[in-house]
PDB file of N, CA and C in Angstrom:
ATOM      1  N   UNK A   1      32.560  31.976  26.041  1.00  0.00           N
ATOM      2  CA  UNK A   1      31.368  32.724  25.662  1.00  0.00           C
ATOM      3  C   UNK A   1      30.141  31.857  25.936  1.00  0.00           C
ATOM      4  N   UNK A   2      29.169  32.398  26.596  1.00  0.00           N
ATOM      5  CA  UNK A   2      27.943  31.694  26.945  1.00  0.00           C
ATOM      6  C   UNK A   2      26.830  32.210  26.046  1.00  0.00           C
ATOM      7  N   UNK A   3      26.119  31.216  25.409  1.00  0.00           N
ATOM      8  CA  UNK A   3      24.977  31.587  24.571  1.00  0.00           C
ATOM      9  C   UNK A   3      23.700  31.347  25.352  1.00  0.00           C
ATOM     10  N   UNK A   4      22.798  32.287  25.265  1.00  0.00           N
ATOM     11  CA  UNK A   4      21.507  32.165  25.920  1.00  0.00           C
ATOM     12  C   UNK A   4      20.445  32.258  24.841  1.00  0.00           C
ATOM     13  N   UNK A   5      19.612  31.191  24.770  1.00  0.00           N
ATOM     14  CA  UNK A   5      18.532  31.203  23.791  1.00  0.00           C
ATOM     15  C   UNK A   5      17.290  31.771  24.448  1.00  0.00           C
ATOM     16  N   UNK A   6      16.656  32.657  23.743  1.00  0.00           N
ATOM     17  CA  UNK A   6      15.480  33.310  24.278  1.00  0.00           C
ATOM     18  C   UNK A   6      14.316  33.053  23.329  1.00  0.00           C
ATOM     19  N   UNK A   7      13.238  32.538  23.833  1.00  0.00           N
ATOM     20  CA  UNK A   7      12.044  32.280  23.044  1.00  0.00           C
ATOM     21  C   UNK A   7      10.998  33.317  23.421  1.00  0.00           C
ATOM     22  N   UNK A   8      10.623  34.121  22.457  1.00  0.00           N
ATOM     23  CA  UNK A   8       9.679  35.200  22.729  1.00  0.00           C
ATOM     24  C   UNK A   8       8.229  34.797  22.484  1.00  0.00           C
ATOM     25  N   UNK A   9       8.014  33.569  21.926  1.00  0.00           N
ATOM     26  CA  UNK A   9       6.652  33.114  21.696  1.00  0.00           C
ATOM     27  C   UNK A   9       5.984  33.769  20.512  1.00  0.00           C
ATOM     28  N   UNK A  10       6.762  34.262  19.575  1.00  0.00           N
ATOM     29  CA  UNK A  10       6.197  34.905  18.395  1.00  0.00           C
ATOM     30  C   UNK A  10       6.146  33.870  17.267  1.00  0.00           C
ATOM     31  N   UNK A  11       4.989  33.762  16.627  1.00  0.00           N
ATOM     32  CA  UNK A  11       4.859  32.836  15.499  1.00  0.00           C
ATOM     33  C   UNK A  11       3.910  33.421  14.466  1.00  0.00           C
ATOM     34  N   UNK A  12       3.944  32.844  13.331  1.00  0.00           N
ATOM     35  CA  UNK A  12       3.075  33.270  12.240  1.00  0.00           C
ATOM     36  C   UNK A  12       2.086  32.146  11.978  1.00  0.00           C
ATOM     37  N   UNK A  13       0.822  32.482  11.917  1.00  0.00           N
ATOM     38  CA  UNK A  13      -0.228  31.495  11.665  1.00  0.00           C
ATOM     39  C   UNK A  13      -0.900  31.854  10.353  1.00  0.00           C
ATOM     40  N   UNK A  14      -0.929  30.876   9.452  1.00  0.00           N
ATOM     41  CA  UNK A  14      -1.590  31.087   8.162  1.00  0.00           C
ATOM     42  C   UNK A  14      -3.023  30.580   8.279  1.00  0.00           C
ATOM     43  N   UNK A  15      -3.993  31.388   7.937  1.00  0.00           N
ATOM     44  CA  UNK A  15      -5.388  30.952   8.018  1.00  0.00           C
ATOM     45  C   UNK A  15      -5.664  29.793   7.054  1.00  0.00           C
ATOM     46  N   UNK A  16      -6.476  28.854   7.484  1.00  0.00           N
ATOM     47  CA  UNK A  16      -6.761  27.678   6.668  1.00  0.00           C
ATOM     48  C   UNK A  16      -7.463  28.048   5.361  1.00  0.00           C
ATOM     49  N   UNK A  17      -8.272  29.081   5.374  1.00  0.00           N
ATOM     50  CA  UNK A  17      -8.955  29.478   4.142  1.00  0.00           C
ATOM     51  C   UNK A  17      -7.958  29.957   3.093  1.00  0.00           C
ATOM     52  N   UNK A  18      -6.858  30.542   3.529  1.00  0.00           N
ATOM     53  CA  UNK A  18      -5.838  31.013   2.587  1.00  0.00           C
ATOM     54  C   UNK A  18      -5.098  29.820   1.971  1.00  0.00           C
ATOM     55  N   UNK A  19      -4.809  28.801   2.792  1.00  0.00           N
ATOM     56  CA  UNK A  19      -4.164  27.588   2.269  1.00  0.00           C
ATOM     57  C   UNK A  19      -5.087  26.916   1.253  1.00  0.00           C
ATOM     58  N   UNK A  20      -6.375  26.810   1.580  1.00  0.00           N
ATOM     59  CA  UNK A  20      -7.347  26.228   0.652  1.00  0.00           C
ATOM     60  C   UNK A  20      -7.445  27.018  -0.643  1.00  0.00           C
ATOM     61  N   UNK A  21      -7.385  28.317  -0.529  1.00  0.00           N
ATOM     62  CA  UNK A  21      -7.436  29.196  -1.700  1.00  0.00           C
ATOM     63  C   UNK A  21      -6.255  28.923  -2.637  1.00  0.00           C
ATOM     64  N   UNK A  22      -5.083  28.724  -2.054  1.00  0.00           N
ATOM     65  CA  UNK A  22      -3.888  28.444  -2.857  1.00  0.00           C
ATOM     66  C   UNK A  22      -3.978  27.066  -3.501  1.00  0.00           C
ATOM     67  N   UNK A  23      -4.377  26.066  -2.700  1.00  0.00           N
ATOM     68  CA  UNK A  23      -4.455  24.703  -3.217  1.00  0.00           C
ATOM     69  C   UNK A  23      -5.511  24.545  -4.307  1.00  0.00           C
ATOM     70  N   UNK A  24      -6.591  25.274  -4.207  1.00  0.00           N
ATOM     71  CA  UNK A  24      -7.667  25.157  -5.181  1.00  0.00           C
ATOM     72  C   UNK A  24      -7.583  26.209  -6.287  1.00  0.00           C
ATOM     73  N   UNK A  25      -6.511  26.955  -6.324  1.00  0.00           N
ATOM     74  CA  UNK A  25      -6.316  27.958  -7.363  1.00  0.00           C
ATOM     75  C   UNK A  25      -6.103  27.328  -8.728  1.00  0.00           C
ATOM     76  N   UNK A  26      -6.204  28.145  -9.763  1.00  0.00           N
ATOM     77  CA  UNK A  26      -6.108  27.655 -11.139  1.00  0.00           C
ATOM     78  C   UNK A  26      -4.776  26.965 -11.427  1.00  0.00           C
ATOM     79  N   UNK A  27      -3.685  27.523 -10.965  1.00  0.00           N
ATOM     80  CA  UNK A  27      -2.356  26.990 -11.283  1.00  0.00           C
ATOM     81  C   UNK A  27      -2.189  25.557 -10.758  1.00  0.00           C
ATOM     82  N   UNK A  28      -2.491  25.338  -9.485  1.00  0.00           N
ATOM     83  CA  UNK A  28      -2.323  24.008  -8.909  1.00  0.00           C
ATOM     84  C   UNK A  28      -3.399  23.031  -9.386  1.00  0.00           C
ATOM     85  N   UNK A  29      -4.603  23.520  -9.639  1.00  0.00           N
ATOM     86  CA  UNK A  29      -5.664  22.654 -10.145  1.00  0.00           C
ATOM     87  C   UNK A  29      -5.295  22.120 -11.526  1.00  0.00           C
ATOM     88  N   UNK A  30      -4.774  22.974 -12.392  1.00  0.00           N
ATOM     89  CA  UNK A  30      -4.348  22.537 -13.731  1.00  0.00           C
ATOM     90  C   UNK A  30      -3.187  21.541 -13.631  1.00  0.00           C
ATOM     91  N   UNK A  31      -2.260  21.778 -12.724  1.00  0.00           N
ATOM     92  CA  UNK A  31      -1.119  20.874 -12.551  1.00  0.00           C
ATOM     93  C   UNK A  31      -1.585  19.493 -12.076  1.00  0.00           C
ATOM     94  N   UNK A  32      -2.542  19.468 -11.135  1.00  0.00           N
ATOM     95  CA  UNK A  32      -3.073  18.186 -10.659  1.00  0.00           C
ATOM     96  C   UNK A  32      -3.802  17.450 -11.770  1.00  0.00           C
ATOM     97  N   UNK A  33      -4.586  18.176 -12.552  1.00  0.00           N
ATOM     98  CA  UNK A  33      -5.338  17.558 -13.646  1.00  0.00           C
ATOM     99  C   UNK A  33      -4.388  16.982 -14.688  1.00  0.00           C
ATOM    100  N   UNK A  34      -3.325  17.700 -15.014  1.00  0.00           N
ATOM    101  CA  UNK A  34      -2.347  17.236 -15.995  1.00  0.00           C
ATOM    102  C   UNK A  34      -1.642  15.969 -15.492  1.00  0.00           C
ATOM    103  N   UNK A  35      -1.237  15.968 -14.224  1.00  0.00           N
ATOM    104  CA  UNK A  35      -0.567  14.806 -13.649  1.00  0.00           C
ATOM    105  C   UNK A  35      -1.506  13.605 -13.608  1.00  0.00           C
ATOM    106  N   UNK A  36      -2.762  13.824 -13.279  1.00  0.00           N
ATOM    107  CA  UNK A  36      -3.745  12.750 -13.228  1.00  0.00           C
ATOM    108  C   UNK A  36      -3.903  12.103 -14.607  1.00  0.00           C
ATOM    109  N   UNK A  37      -4.017  12.925 -15.642  1.00  0.00           N
ATOM    110  CA  UNK A  37      -4.176  12.409 -17.000  1.00  0.00           C
ATOM    111  C   UNK A  37      -2.948  11.624 -17.447  1.00  0.00           C
ATOM    112  N   UNK A  38      -1.748  12.093 -17.077  1.00  0.00           N
ATOM    113  CA  UNK A  38      -0.526  11.378 -17.435  1.00  0.00           C
ATOM    114  C   UNK A  38      -0.468  10.024 -16.733  1.00  0.00           C
ATOM    115  N   UNK A  39      -0.900   9.967 -15.487  1.00  0.00           N
ATOM    116  CA  UNK A  39      -0.875   8.703 -14.744  1.00  0.00           C
ATOM    117  C   UNK A  39      -1.890   7.711 -15.281  1.00  0.00           C
ATOM    118  N   UNK A  40      -3.010   8.181 -15.773  1.00  0.00           N
ATOM    119  CA  UNK A  40      -4.036   7.284 -16.297  1.00  0.00           C
ATOM    120  C   UNK A  40      -3.539   6.513 -17.519  1.00  0.00           C
ATOM    121  N   UNK A  41      -2.650   7.123 -18.293  1.00  0.00           N
ATOM    122  CA  UNK A  41      -2.133   6.467 -19.488  1.00  0.00           C
ATOM    123  C   UNK A  41      -1.030   5.469 -19.167  1.00  0.00           C
ATOM    124  N   UNK A  42      -0.439   5.561 -17.996  1.00  0.00           N
ATOM    125  CA  UNK A  42       0.683   4.684 -17.659  1.00  0.00           C
ATOM    126  C   UNK A  42       0.322   3.609 -16.634  1.00  0.00           C
ATOM    127  N   UNK A  43      -0.957   3.462 -16.300  1.00  0.00           N
ATOM    128  CA  UNK A  43      -1.362   2.474 -15.303  1.00  0.00           C
ATOM    129  C   UNK A  43      -1.348   1.081 -15.924  1.00  0.00           C
ATOM    130  N   UNK A  44      -0.716   0.138 -15.207  1.00  0.00           N
ATOM    131  CA  UNK A  44      -0.670  -1.255 -15.620  1.00  0.00           C
ATOM    132  C   UNK A  44      -1.425  -2.059 -14.571  1.00  0.00           C
ATOM    133  N   UNK A  45      -2.338  -2.936 -14.989  1.00  0.00           N
ATOM    134  CA  UNK A  45      -3.069  -3.729 -13.998  1.00  0.00           C
ATOM    135  C   UNK A  45      -2.125  -4.530 -13.112  1.00  0.00           C
ATOM    136  N   UNK A  46      -2.425  -4.615 -11.832  1.00  0.00           N
ATOM    137  CA  UNK A  46      -1.543  -5.284 -10.877  1.00  0.00           C
ATOM    138  C   UNK A  46      -1.426  -6.773 -11.150  1.00  0.00           C
ATOM    139  N   UNK A  47      -2.450  -7.399 -11.693  1.00  0.00           N
ATOM    140  CA  UNK A  47      -2.432  -8.837 -11.913  1.00  0.00           C
ATOM    141  C   UNK A  47      -1.843  -9.227 -13.264  1.00  0.00           C
ATOM    142  N   UNK A  48      -1.311  -8.303 -14.017  1.00  0.00           N
ATOM    143  CA  UNK A  48      -0.827  -8.628 -15.360  1.00  0.00           C
ATOM    144  C   UNK A  48       0.348  -9.592 -15.344  1.00  0.00           C
ATOM    145  N   UNK A  49       1.220  -9.547 -14.338  1.00  0.00           N
ATOM    146  CA  UNK A  49       2.356 -10.454 -14.271  1.00  0.00           C
ATOM    147  C   UNK A  49       2.002 -11.823 -13.734  1.00  0.00           C
ATOM    148  N   UNK A  50       0.889 -11.950 -13.024  1.00  0.00           N
ATOM    149  CA  UNK A  50       0.502 -13.221 -12.428  1.00  0.00           C
ATOM    150  C   UNK A  50       0.045 -14.212 -13.488  1.00  0.00           C
ATOM    151  N   UNK A  51      -0.616 -13.745 -14.508  1.00  0.00           N
ATOM    152  CA  UNK A  51      -1.145 -14.631 -15.545  1.00  0.00           C
ATOM    153  C   UNK A  51      -0.020 -15.422 -16.202  1.00  0.00           C
ATOM    154  N   UNK A  52       1.119 -14.802 -16.432  1.00  0.00           N
ATOM    155  CA  UNK A  52       2.236 -15.484 -17.065  1.00  0.00           C
ATOM    156  C   UNK A  52       2.769 -16.619 -16.207  1.00  0.00           C
ATOM    157  N   UNK A  53       2.786 -16.457 -14.889  1.00  0.00           N
ATOM    158  CA  UNK A  53       3.337 -17.498 -14.028  1.00  0.00           C
ATOM    159  C   UNK A  53       2.386 -18.671 -13.882  1.00  0.00           C
ATOM    160  N   UNK A  54       1.097 -18.476 -14.094  1.00  0.00           N
ATOM    161  CA  UNK A  54       0.136 -19.561 -13.976  1.00  0.00           C
ATOM    162  C   UNK A  54      -0.074 -20.310 -15.285  1.00  0.00           C
ATOM    163  N   UNK A  55       0.538 -19.865 -16.351  1.00  0.00           N
ATOM    164  CA  UNK A  55       0.309 -20.474 -17.654  1.00  0.00           C
ATOM    165  C   UNK A  55       0.845 -21.892 -17.729  1.00  0.00           C
ATOM    166  N   UNK A  56       1.868 -22.272 -16.949  1.00  0.00           N
ATOM    167  CA  UNK A  56       2.481 -23.584 -17.060  1.00  0.00           C
ATOM    168  C   UNK A  56       1.897 -24.629 -16.135  1.00  0.00           C
ATOM    169  N   UNK A  57       0.776 -24.389 -15.478  1.00  0.00           N
ATOM    170  CA  UNK A  57       0.201 -25.355 -14.540  1.00  0.00           C
ATOM    171  C   UNK A  57      -1.221 -25.694 -14.963  1.00  0.00           C
ATOM    172  N   UNK A  58      -1.553 -26.990 -14.878  1.00  0.00           N
ATOM    173  CA  UNK A  58      -2.906 -27.405 -15.245  1.00  0.00           C
ATOM    174  C   UNK A  58      -3.801 -27.347 -14.021  1.00  0.00           C
ATOM    175  N   UNK A  59      -5.077 -27.508 -14.262  1.00  0.00           N
ATOM    176  CA  UNK A  59      -6.050 -27.481 -13.172  1.00  0.00           C
ATOM    177  C   UNK A  59      -5.800 -28.647 -12.210  1.00  0.00           C
ATOM    178  N   UNK A  60      -5.501 -29.816 -12.770  1.00  0.00           N
ATOM    179  CA  UNK A  60      -5.246 -30.992 -11.938  1.00  0.00           C
ATOM    180  C   UNK A  60      -3.993 -30.804 -11.081  1.00  0.00           C
ATOM    181  N   UNK A  61      -2.938 -30.242 -11.655  1.00  0.00           N
ATOM    182  CA  UNK A  61      -1.711 -29.986 -10.900  1.00  0.00           C
ATOM    183  C   UNK A  61      -1.964 -28.985  -9.776  1.00  0.00           C
ATOM    184  N   UNK A  62      -2.768 -27.987 -10.060  1.00  0.00           N
ATOM    185  CA  UNK A  62      -3.094 -26.988  -9.052  1.00  0.00           C
ATOM    186  C   UNK A  62      -3.783 -27.630  -7.854  1.00  0.00           C
ATOM    187  N   UNK A  63      -4.810 -28.455  -8.133  1.00  0.00           N
ATOM    188  CA  UNK A  63      -5.538 -29.078  -7.034  1.00  0.00           C
ATOM    189  C   UNK A  63      -4.681 -30.113  -6.304  1.00  0.00           C
ATOM    190  N   UNK A  64      -3.763 -30.768  -7.009  1.00  0.00           N
ATOM    191  CA  UNK A  64      -2.852 -31.710  -6.366  1.00  0.00           C
ATOM    192  C   UNK A  64      -1.954 -30.986  -5.364  1.00  0.00           C
ATOM    193  N   UNK A  65      -1.365 -29.884  -5.786  1.00  0.00           N
ATOM    194  CA  UNK A  65      -0.494 -29.104  -4.901  1.00  0.00           C
ATOM    195  C   UNK A  65      -1.302 -28.503  -3.762  1.00  0.00           C
ATOM    196  N   UNK A  66      -2.486 -28.021  -4.046  1.00  0.00           N
ATOM    197  CA  UNK A  66      -3.345 -27.451  -3.014  1.00  0.00           C
ATOM    198  C   UNK A  66      -3.684 -28.491  -1.951  1.00  0.00           C
ATOM    199  N   UNK A  67      -3.970 -29.703  -2.380  1.00  0.00           N
ATOM    200  CA  UNK A  67      -4.274 -30.775  -1.437  1.00  0.00           C
ATOM    201  C   UNK A  67      -3.083 -31.122  -0.559  1.00  0.00           C
ATOM    202  N   UNK A  68      -1.880 -31.109  -1.121  1.00  0.00           N
ATOM    203  CA  UNK A  68      -0.691 -31.448  -0.340  1.00  0.00           C
ATOM    204  C   UNK A  68      -0.355 -30.378   0.701  1.00  0.00           C
ATOM    205  N   UNK A  69      -0.504 -29.124   0.357  1.00  0.00           N
ATOM    206  CA  UNK A  69      -0.121 -28.060   1.287  1.00  0.00           C
ATOM    207  C   UNK A  69      -1.205 -27.743   2.301  1.00  0.00           C
ATOM    208  N   UNK A  70      -2.438 -28.136   2.043  1.00  0.00           N
ATOM    209  CA  UNK A  70      -3.517 -27.788   2.965  1.00  0.00           C
ATOM    210  C   UNK A  70      -3.785 -28.870   3.997  1.00  0.00           C
ATOM    211  N   UNK A  71      -3.182 -30.059   3.861  1.00  0.00           N
ATOM    212  CA  UNK A  71      -3.358 -31.121   4.851  1.00  0.00           C
ATOM    213  C   UNK A  71      -2.491 -30.852   6.080  1.00  0.00           C
ATOM    214  N   UNK A  72      -3.007 -31.144   7.266  1.00  0.00           N
ATOM    215  CA  UNK A  72      -2.156 -30.990   8.447  1.00  0.00           C
ATOM    216  C   UNK A  72      -1.079 -32.070   8.456  1.00  0.00           C
ATOM    217  N   UNK A  73       0.041 -31.771   9.015  1.00  0.00           N
ATOM    218  CA  UNK A  73       1.131 -32.733   9.077  1.00  0.00           C
ATOM    219  C   UNK A  73       0.760 -33.842  10.051  1.00  0.00           C
ATOM    220  N   UNK A  74       1.104 -35.087   9.693  1.00  0.00           N
ATOM    221  CA  UNK A  74       0.744 -36.226  10.524  1.00  0.00           C
ATOM    222  C   UNK A  74       1.648 -36.344  11.741  1.00  0.00           C
ATOM    223  N   UNK A  75       2.798 -35.667  11.753  1.00  0.00           N
ATOM    224  CA  UNK A  75       3.748 -35.750  12.847  1.00  0.00           C
ATOM    225  C   UNK A  75       3.231 -35.063  14.105  1.00  0.00           C
ATOM    226  N   UNK A  76       2.351 -34.098  13.948  1.00  0.00           N
ATOM    227  CA  UNK A  76       1.898 -33.318  15.092  1.00  0.00           C
ATOM    228  C   UNK A  76       0.927 -34.134  15.936  1.00  0.00           C
ATOM    229  N   UNK A  77       1.127 -34.174  17.256  1.00  0.00           N
ATOM    230  CA  UNK A  77       0.202 -34.923  18.120  1.00  0.00           C
ATOM    231  C   UNK A  77      -1.148 -34.237  18.180  1.00  0.00           C
ATOM    232  N   UNK A  78      -2.146 -35.038  18.306  1.00  0.00           N
ATOM    233  CA  UNK A  78      -3.505 -34.513  18.402  1.00  0.00           C
ATOM    234  C   UNK A  78      -3.703 -33.925  19.791  1.00  0.00           C
ATOM    235  N   UNK A  79      -4.215 -32.720  19.883  1.00  0.00           N
ATOM    236  CA  UNK A  79      -4.356 -32.036  21.159  1.00  0.00           C
ATOM    237  C   UNK A  79      -5.333 -32.729  22.095  1.00  0.00           C
ATOM    238  N   UNK A  80      -6.366 -33.372  21.547  1.00  0.00           N
ATOM    239  CA  UNK A  80      -7.372 -34.014  22.386  1.00  0.00           C
ATOM    240  C   UNK A  80      -6.832 -35.271  23.048  1.00  0.00           C
ATOM    241  N   UNK A  81      -5.968 -36.014  22.349  1.00  0.00           N
ATOM    242  CA  UNK A  81      -5.467 -37.268  22.882  1.00  0.00           C
ATOM    243  C   UNK A  81      -4.325 -37.092  23.873  1.00  0.00           C
ATOM    244  N   UNK A  82      -3.660 -35.971  23.879  1.00  0.00           N
ATOM    245  CA  UNK A  82      -2.550 -35.775  24.795  1.00  0.00           C
ATOM    246  C   UNK A  82      -3.071 -35.304  26.149  1.00  0.00           C
ATOM    247  N   UNK A  83      -2.624 -36.013  27.186  1.00  0.00           N
ATOM    248  CA  UNK A  83      -3.044 -35.639  28.541  1.00  0.00           C
ATOM    249  C   UNK A  83      -1.829 -35.121  29.288  1.00  0.00           C
ATOM    250  N   UNK A  84      -1.939 -33.931  29.854  1.00  0.00           N
ATOM    251  CA  UNK A  84      -0.814 -33.353  30.606  1.00  0.00           C
ATOM    252  C   UNK A  84      -1.215 -33.033  32.007  1.00  0.00           C
TER     253      UNK A  84
END
């Protein structure tokens, strides 16, 4: 049995004003407002967990570690002195 697919070019187009009418209708607007209010009560600041991890380090220790990691390694040859 051979199947032949035929495309007649028929489609349904929904006008954009009708989609906007549905999205801005009372039912969906109330649902969005309710969800927004629920989310506002459950928001936790993103930096709240960072403060706990920094509690065990002093200012001097911080600058000591910063100085060690920000220095270039002495093993690397200087680009200006190498001639190729």
